[in-house]
Amino acid sequence: MGRKITVECSAPSKKLAEAKKIAAEKGVTIEDDGSVHGMGFKGSYEIKGKKITMDITNKPFFLSWDKVESEIRKFLS
């Protein structure tokens, strides 16, 4: 079971570029083709208008979905 997380922001491309840097520091790669992977995470993202939606399909078992969602919202907001 995965989770979709949608965040609305005024400059989604800029936010995603910032998120890529933060994720890379933590060992997770956000690719230009829409994929997300690394450190036990796997998923994808999509930008539509002012919304970024991350669809996380796999996460490390020791992290709760609430923690994953909280962290994603933090670096996309």
PDB file of N, CA and C in Angstrom:
ATOM      1  N   MET A   1       0.841  -1.188   0.000  1.00  0.00           N
ATOM      2  CA  MET A   1       0.000   0.000   0.000  1.00  0.00           C
ATOM      3  C   MET A   1       0.882   1.246   0.000  1.00  0.00           C
ATOM      4  N   GLY A   2       0.566   2.192  -0.842  1.00  0.00           N
ATOM      5  CA  GLY A   2       1.316   3.432  -0.944  1.00  0.00           C
ATOM      6  C   GLY A   2       0.497   4.606  -0.455  1.00  0.00           C
ATOM      7  N   ARG A   3       1.021   5.771  -0.720  1.00  0.00           N
ATOM      8  CA  ARG A   3       0.315   6.979  -0.310  1.00  0.00           C
ATOM      9  C   ARG A   3       0.615   8.093  -1.295  1.00  0.00           C
ATOM     10  N   LYS A   4      -0.439   8.840  -1.672  1.00  0.00           N
ATOM     11  CA  LYS A   4      -0.296  10.018  -2.526  1.00  0.00           C
ATOM     12  C   LYS A   4      -0.354  11.250  -1.639  1.00  0.00           C
ATOM     13  N   ILE A   5       0.589  12.139  -1.880  1.00  0.00           N
ATOM     14  CA  ILE A   5       0.688  13.359  -1.094  1.00  0.00           C
ATOM     15  C   ILE A   5       0.701  14.528  -2.068  1.00  0.00           C
ATOM     16  N   THR A   6      -0.256  15.425  -1.944  1.00  0.00           N
ATOM     17  CA  THR A   6      -0.345  16.576  -2.841  1.00  0.00           C
ATOM     18  C   THR A   6      -0.114  17.852  -2.048  1.00  0.00           C
ATOM     19  N   VAL A   7       0.761  18.696  -2.593  1.00  0.00           N
ATOM     20  CA  VAL A   7       1.084  19.974  -1.966  1.00  0.00           C
ATOM     21  C   VAL A   7       0.897  21.060  -3.005  1.00  0.00           C
ATOM     22  N   GLU A   8       0.237  22.136  -2.617  1.00  0.00           N
ATOM     23  CA  GLU A   8       0.051  23.270  -3.515  1.00  0.00           C
ATOM     24  C   GLU A   8       1.065  24.345  -3.150  1.00  0.00           C
ATOM     25  N   CYS A   9       1.734  24.897  -4.170  1.00  0.00           N
ATOM     26  CA  CYS A   9       2.704  25.966  -3.925  1.00  0.00           C
ATOM     27  C   CYS A   9       2.709  26.912  -5.123  1.00  0.00           C
ATOM     28  N   SER A  10       3.232  28.117  -4.899  1.00  0.00           N
ATOM     29  CA  SER A  10       3.179  29.130  -5.954  1.00  0.00           C
ATOM     30  C   SER A  10       4.162  28.867  -7.093  1.00  0.00           C
ATOM     31  N   ALA A  11       5.278  28.208  -6.807  1.00  0.00           N
ATOM     32  CA  ALA A  11       6.290  27.935  -7.840  1.00  0.00           C
ATOM     33  C   ALA A  11       6.724  26.473  -7.734  1.00  0.00           C
ATOM     34  N   PRO A  12       5.892  25.544  -8.226  1.00  0.00           N
ATOM     35  CA  PRO A  12       6.190  24.124  -8.032  1.00  0.00           C
ATOM     36  C   PRO A  12       7.509  23.650  -8.640  1.00  0.00           C
ATOM     37  N   SER A  13       7.898  24.166  -9.784  1.00  0.00           N
ATOM     38  CA  SER A  13       9.168  23.737 -10.391  1.00  0.00           C
ATOM     39  C   SER A  13      10.348  24.145  -9.516  1.00  0.00           C
ATOM     40  N   LYS A  14      10.288  25.336  -8.972  1.00  0.00           N
ATOM     41  CA  LYS A  14      11.344  25.815  -8.080  1.00  0.00           C
ATOM     42  C   LYS A  14      11.370  24.980  -6.801  1.00  0.00           C
ATOM     43  N   LYS A  15      10.215  24.709  -6.232  1.00  0.00           N
ATOM     44  CA  LYS A  15      10.129  23.898  -5.014  1.00  0.00           C
ATOM     45  C   LYS A  15      10.668  22.498  -5.258  1.00  0.00           C
ATOM     46  N   LEU A  16      10.343  21.928  -6.403  1.00  0.00           N
ATOM     47  CA  LEU A  16      10.818  20.587  -6.715  1.00  0.00           C
ATOM     48  C   LEU A  16      12.341  20.577  -6.848  1.00  0.00           C
ATOM     49  N   ALA A  17      12.905  21.618  -7.442  1.00  0.00           N
ATOM     50  CA  ALA A  17      14.363  21.710  -7.566  1.00  0.00           C
ATOM     51  C   ALA A  17      15.003  21.760  -6.175  1.00  0.00           C
ATOM     52  N   GLU A  18      14.414  22.515  -5.269  1.00  0.00           N
ATOM     53  CA  GLU A  18      14.905  22.573  -3.892  1.00  0.00           C
ATOM     54  C   GLU A  18      14.758  21.209  -3.212  1.00  0.00           C
ATOM     55  N   ALA A  19      13.630  20.568  -3.431  1.00  0.00           N
ATOM     56  CA  ALA A  19      13.372  19.258  -2.826  1.00  0.00           C
ATOM     57  C   ALA A  19      14.365  18.222  -3.335  1.00  0.00           C
ATOM     58  N   LYS A  20      14.758  18.320  -4.602  1.00  0.00           N
ATOM     59  CA  LYS A  20      15.747  17.389  -5.168  1.00  0.00           C
ATOM     60  C   LYS A  20      17.059  17.470  -4.403  1.00  0.00           C
ATOM     61  N   LYS A  21      17.472  18.690  -4.075  1.00  0.00           N
ATOM     62  CA  LYS A  21      18.725  18.882  -3.336  1.00  0.00           C
ATOM     63  C   LYS A  21      18.621  18.293  -1.930  1.00  0.00           C
ATOM     64  N   ILE A  22      17.531  18.572  -1.247  1.00  0.00           N
ATOM     65  CA  ILE A  22      17.334  18.058   0.113  1.00  0.00           C
ATOM     66  C   ILE A  22      17.278  16.536   0.093  1.00  0.00           C
ATOM     67  N   ALA A  23      16.525  15.988  -0.852  1.00  0.00           N
ATOM     68  CA  ALA A  23      16.397  14.531  -0.952  1.00  0.00           C
ATOM     69  C   ALA A  23      17.752  13.890  -1.230  1.00  0.00           C
ATOM     70  N   ALA A  24      18.547  14.488  -2.115  1.00  0.00           N
ATOM     71  CA  ALA A  24      19.860  13.939  -2.458  1.00  0.00           C
ATOM     72  C   ALA A  24      20.771  13.887  -1.233  1.00  0.00           C
ATOM     73  N   GLU A  25      20.679  14.898  -0.375  1.00  0.00           N
ATOM     74  CA  GLU A  25      21.465  14.912   0.863  1.00  0.00           C
ATOM     75  C   GLU A  25      21.087  13.752   1.780  1.00  0.00           C
ATOM     76  N   LYS A  26      19.857  13.263   1.624  1.00  0.00           N
ATOM     77  CA  LYS A  26      19.360  12.164   2.457  1.00  0.00           C
ATOM     78  C   LYS A  26      19.436  10.812   1.738  1.00  0.00           C
ATOM     79  N   GLY A  27      20.046  10.800   0.538  1.00  0.00           N
ATOM     80  CA  GLY A  27      20.221   9.552  -0.192  1.00  0.00           C
ATOM     81  C   GLY A  27      19.047   9.142  -1.061  1.00  0.00           C
ATOM     82  N   VAL A  28      18.137  10.074  -1.313  1.00  0.00           N
ATOM     83  CA  VAL A  28      16.979   9.794  -2.162  1.00  0.00           C
ATOM     84  C   VAL A  28      17.100  10.635  -3.428  1.00  0.00           C
ATOM     85  N   THR A  29      16.822  10.014  -4.570  1.00  0.00           N
ATOM     86  CA  THR A  29      16.935  10.698  -5.857  1.00  0.00           C
ATOM     87  C   THR A  29      15.547  10.991  -6.414  1.00  0.00           C
ATOM     88  N   ILE A  30      15.350  12.236  -6.800  1.00  0.00           N
ATOM     89  CA  ILE A  30      14.123  12.654  -7.493  1.00  0.00           C
ATOM     90  C   ILE A  30      14.556  12.955  -8.918  1.00  0.00           C
ATOM     91  N   GLU A  31      14.145  12.113  -9.851  1.00  0.00           N
ATOM     92  CA  GLU A  31      14.581  12.201 -11.246  1.00  0.00           C
ATOM     93  C   GLU A  31      13.689  13.139 -12.052  1.00  0.00           C
ATOM     94  N   ASP A  32      14.244  13.670 -13.143  1.00  0.00           N
ATOM     95  CA  ASP A  32      13.472  14.534 -14.044  1.00  0.00           C
ATOM     96  C   ASP A  32      12.355  13.776 -14.753  1.00  0.00           C
ATOM     97  N   ASP A  33      12.485  12.440 -14.851  1.00  0.00           N
ATOM     98  CA  ASP A  33      11.455  11.647 -15.528  1.00  0.00           C
ATOM     99  C   ASP A  33      10.243  11.356 -14.644  1.00  0.00           C
ATOM    100  N   GLY A  34      10.262  11.868 -13.408  1.00  0.00           N
ATOM    101  CA  GLY A  34       9.117  11.692 -12.515  1.00  0.00           C
ATOM    102  C   GLY A  34       9.275  10.565 -11.512  1.00  0.00           C
ATOM    103  N   SER A  35      10.428   9.899 -11.497  1.00  0.00           N
ATOM    104  CA  SER A  35      10.615   8.806 -10.541  1.00  0.00           C
ATOM    105  C   SER A  35      11.322   9.298  -9.274  1.00  0.00           C
ATOM    106  N   VAL A  36      11.066   8.579  -8.187  1.00  0.00           N
ATOM    107  CA  VAL A  36      11.670   8.858  -6.891  1.00  0.00           C
ATOM    108  C   VAL A  36      12.183   7.523  -6.359  1.00  0.00           C
ATOM    109  N   HIS A  37      13.453   7.474  -5.921  1.00  0.00           N
ATOM    110  CA  HIS A  37      13.985   6.209  -5.414  1.00  0.00           C
ATOM    111  C   HIS A  37      15.204   6.435  -4.538  1.00  0.00           C
ATOM    112  N   GLY A  38      15.463   5.470  -3.679  1.00  0.00           N
ATOM    113  CA  GLY A  38      16.646   5.488  -2.834  1.00  0.00           C
ATOM    114  C   GLY A  38      16.304   5.325  -1.372  1.00  0.00           C
ATOM    115  N   MET A  39      17.222   4.722  -0.614  1.00  0.00           N
ATOM    116  CA  MET A  39      17.082   4.540   0.833  1.00  0.00           C
ATOM    117  C   MET A  39      15.777   3.837   1.220  1.00  0.00           C
ATOM    118  N   GLY A  40      15.322   2.930   0.374  1.00  0.00           N
ATOM    119  CA  GLY A  40      14.095   2.190   0.657  1.00  0.00           C
ATOM    120  C   GLY A  40      12.820   2.845   0.135  1.00  0.00           C
ATOM    121  N   PHE A  41      12.972   4.013  -0.482  1.00  0.00           N
ATOM    122  CA  PHE A  41      11.806   4.708  -1.044  1.00  0.00           C
ATOM    123  C   PHE A  41      11.707   4.426  -2.533  1.00  0.00           C
ATOM    124  N   LYS A  42      10.479   4.347  -3.001  1.00  0.00           N
ATOM    125  CA  LYS A  42      10.219   4.208  -4.427  1.00  0.00           C
ATOM    126  C   LYS A  42       8.879   4.874  -4.705  1.00  0.00           C
ATOM    127  N   GLY A  43       8.814   5.587  -5.808  1.00  0.00           N
ATOM    128  CA  GLY A  43       7.559   6.238  -6.154  1.00  0.00           C
ATOM    129  C   GLY A  43       7.729   7.127  -7.366  1.00  0.00           C
ATOM    130  N   SER A  44       6.823   8.079  -7.482  1.00  0.00           N
ATOM    131  CA  SER A  44       6.842   8.996  -8.614  1.00  0.00           C
ATOM    132  C   SER A  44       6.245  10.336  -8.183  1.00  0.00           C
ATOM    133  N   TYR A  45       6.405  11.323  -9.047  1.00  0.00           N
ATOM    134  CA  TYR A  45       5.798  12.622  -8.784  1.00  0.00           C
ATOM    135  C   TYR A  45       5.239  13.180 -10.077  1.00  0.00           C
ATOM    136  N   GLU A  46       4.342  14.152  -9.914  1.00  0.00           N
ATOM    137  CA  GLU A  46       3.732  14.816 -11.061  1.00  0.00           C
ATOM    138  C   GLU A  46       3.452  16.260 -10.669  1.00  0.00           C
ATOM    139  N   ILE A  47       3.698  17.158 -11.590  1.00  0.00           N
ATOM    140  CA  ILE A  47       3.352  18.567 -11.382  1.00  0.00           C
ATOM    141  C   ILE A  47       2.199  18.908 -12.308  1.00  0.00           C
ATOM    142  N   LYS A  48       1.128  19.429 -11.727  1.00  0.00           N
ATOM    143  CA  LYS A  48      -0.022  19.909 -12.506  1.00  0.00           C
ATOM    144  C   LYS A  48      -0.411  21.268 -11.950  1.00  0.00           C
ATOM    145  N   GLY A  49      -0.260  22.274 -12.791  1.00  0.00           N
ATOM    146  CA  GLY A  49      -0.567  23.627 -12.324  1.00  0.00           C
ATOM    147  C   GLY A  49       0.332  23.995 -11.162  1.00  0.00           C
ATOM    148  N   LYS A  50      -0.274  24.340 -10.049  1.00  0.00           N
ATOM    149  CA  LYS A  50       0.482  24.735  -8.856  1.00  0.00           C
ATOM    150  C   LYS A  50       0.549  23.616  -7.825  1.00  0.00           C
ATOM    151  N   LYS A  51       0.296  22.387  -8.258  1.00  0.00           N
ATOM    152  CA  LYS A  51       0.305  21.252  -7.336  1.00  0.00           C
ATOM    153  C   LYS A  51       1.384  20.245  -7.704  1.00  0.00           C
ATOM    154  N   ILE A  52       2.055  19.756  -6.668  1.00  0.00           N
ATOM    155  CA  ILE A  52       3.003  18.653  -6.819  1.00  0.00           C
ATOM    156  C   ILE A  52       2.383  17.462  -6.092  1.00  0.00           C
ATOM    157  N   THR A  53       2.239  16.353  -6.799  1.00  0.00           N
ATOM    158  CA  THR A  53       1.729  15.127  -6.186  1.00  0.00           C
ATOM    159  C   THR A  53       2.831  14.091  -6.196  1.00  0.00           C
ATOM    160  N   MET A  54       3.149  13.587  -5.011  1.00  0.00           N
ATOM    161  CA  MET A  54       4.127  12.501  -4.881  1.00  0.00           C
ATOM    162  C   MET A  54       3.345  11.237  -4.553  1.00  0.00           C
ATOM    163  N   ASP A  55       3.581  10.206  -5.315  1.00  0.00           N
ATOM    164  CA  ASP A  55       2.947   8.905  -5.105  1.00  0.00           C
ATOM    165  C   ASP A  55       4.038   7.951  -4.615  1.00  0.00           C
ATOM    166  N   ILE A  56       4.112   7.758  -3.317  1.00  0.00           N
ATOM    167  CA  ILE A  56       5.140   6.902  -2.721  1.00  0.00           C
ATOM    168  C   ILE A  56       4.570   5.490  -2.615  1.00  0.00           C
ATOM    169  N   THR A  57       5.227   4.546  -3.279  1.00  0.00           N
ATOM    170  CA  THR A  57       4.736   3.166  -3.306  1.00  0.00           C
ATOM    171  C   THR A  57       5.478   2.266  -2.333  1.00  0.00           C
ATOM    172  N   ASN A  58       6.719   2.628  -2.007  1.00  0.00           N
ATOM    173  CA  ASN A  58       7.505   1.862  -1.033  1.00  0.00           C
ATOM    174  C   ASN A  58       8.218   2.836  -0.112  1.00  0.00           C
ATOM    175  N   LYS A  59       8.359   2.426   1.151  1.00  0.00           N
ATOM    176  CA  LYS A  59       9.080   3.215   2.142  1.00  0.00           C
ATOM    177  C   LYS A  59       9.776   2.248   3.087  1.00  0.00           C
ATOM    178  N   PRO A  60      10.778   2.728   3.816  1.00  0.00           N
ATOM    179  CA  PRO A  60      11.400   1.854   4.809  1.00  0.00           C
ATOM    180  C   PRO A  60      10.355   1.422   5.856  1.00  0.00           C
ATOM    181  N   PHE A  61      10.399   0.165   6.250  1.00  0.00           N
ATOM    182  CA  PHE A  61       9.378  -0.371   7.155  1.00  0.00           C
ATOM    183  C   PHE A  61       9.368   0.319   8.514  1.00  0.00           C
ATOM    184  N   PHE A  62      10.491   0.873   8.929  1.00  0.00           N
ATOM    185  CA  PHE A  62      10.582   1.456  10.263  1.00  0.00           C
ATOM    186  C   PHE A  62      10.067   2.896  10.332  1.00  0.00           C
ATOM    187  N   LEU A  63       9.692   3.470   9.199  1.00  0.00           N
ATOM    188  CA  LEU A  63       9.102   4.812   9.179  1.00  0.00           C
ATOM    189  C   LEU A  63       7.595   4.705   8.996  1.00  0.00           C
ATOM    190  N   SER A  64       6.867   5.457   9.798  1.00  0.00           N
ATOM    191  CA  SER A  64       5.408   5.460   9.646  1.00  0.00           C
ATOM    192  C   SER A  64       5.026   6.306   8.443  1.00  0.00           C
ATOM    193  N   TRP A  65       3.853   6.041   7.881  1.00  0.00           N
ATOM    194  CA  TRP A  65       3.374   6.849   6.766  1.00  0.00           C
ATOM    195  C   TRP A  65       3.176   8.297   7.203  1.00  0.00           C
ATOM    196  N   ASP A  66       2.760   8.503   8.451  1.00  0.00           N
ATOM    197  CA  ASP A  66       2.578   9.871   8.938  1.00  0.00           C
ATOM    198  C   ASP A  66       3.899  10.643   8.926  1.00  0.00           C
ATOM    199  N   LYS A  67       4.980   9.983   9.328  1.00  0.00           N
ATOM    200  CA  LYS A  67       6.297  10.625   9.330  1.00  0.00           C
ATOM    201  C   LYS A  67       6.748  10.918   7.899  1.00  0.00           C
ATOM    202  N   VAL A  68       6.564   9.974   6.999  1.00  0.00           N
ATOM    203  CA  VAL A  68       6.942  10.162   5.593  1.00  0.00           C
ATOM    204  C   VAL A  68       6.174  11.348   5.008  1.00  0.00           C
ATOM    205  N   GLU A  69       4.872  11.371   5.221  1.00  0.00           N
ATOM    206  CA  GLU A  69       4.048  12.458   4.687  1.00  0.00           C
ATOM    207  C   GLU A  69       4.458  13.797   5.286  1.00  0.00           C
ATOM    208  N   SER A  70       4.705  13.829   6.575  1.00  0.00           N
ATOM    209  CA  SER A  70       5.115  15.059   7.248  1.00  0.00           C
ATOM    210  C   SER A  70       6.412  15.610   6.648  1.00  0.00           C
ATOM    211  N   GLU A  71       7.389  14.735   6.428  1.00  0.00           N
ATOM    212  CA  GLU A  71       8.670  15.174   5.872  1.00  0.00           C
ATOM    213  C   GLU A  71       8.531  15.653   4.432  1.00  0.00           C
ATOM    214  N   ILE A  72       7.734  14.951   3.640  1.00  0.00           N
ATOM    215  CA  ILE A  72       7.526  15.366   2.251  1.00  0.00           C
ATOM    216  C   ILE A  72       6.845  16.729   2.215  1.00  0.00           C
ATOM    217  N   ARG A  73       5.824  16.912   3.024  1.00  0.00           N
ATOM    218  CA  ARG A  73       5.137  18.201   3.065  1.00  0.00           C
ATOM    219  C   ARG A  73       6.080  19.312   3.514  1.00  0.00           C
ATOM    220  N   LYS A  74       6.968  18.993   4.444  1.00  0.00           N
ATOM    221  CA  LYS A  74       7.910  19.990   4.958  1.00  0.00           C
ATOM    222  C   LYS A  74       8.838  20.481   3.847  1.00  0.00           C
ATOM    223  N   PHE A  75       9.403  19.562   3.060  1.00  0.00           N
ATOM    224  CA  PHE A  75      10.340  20.065   2.060  1.00  0.00           C
ATOM    225  C   PHE A  75       9.688  20.479   0.748  1.00  0.00           C
ATOM    226  N   LEU A  76       8.409  20.262   0.586  1.00  0.00           N
ATOM    227  CA  LEU A  76       7.703  20.777  -0.596  1.00  0.00           C
ATOM    228  C   LEU A  76       6.930  22.060  -0.304  1.00  0.00           C
ATOM    229  N   SER A  77       6.758  22.390   0.957  1.00  0.00           N
ATOM    230  CA  SER A  77       5.984  23.595   1.325  1.00  0.00           C
ATOM    231  C   SER A  77       6.841  24.828   1.382  1.00  0.00           C
TER     232      SER A  77
END
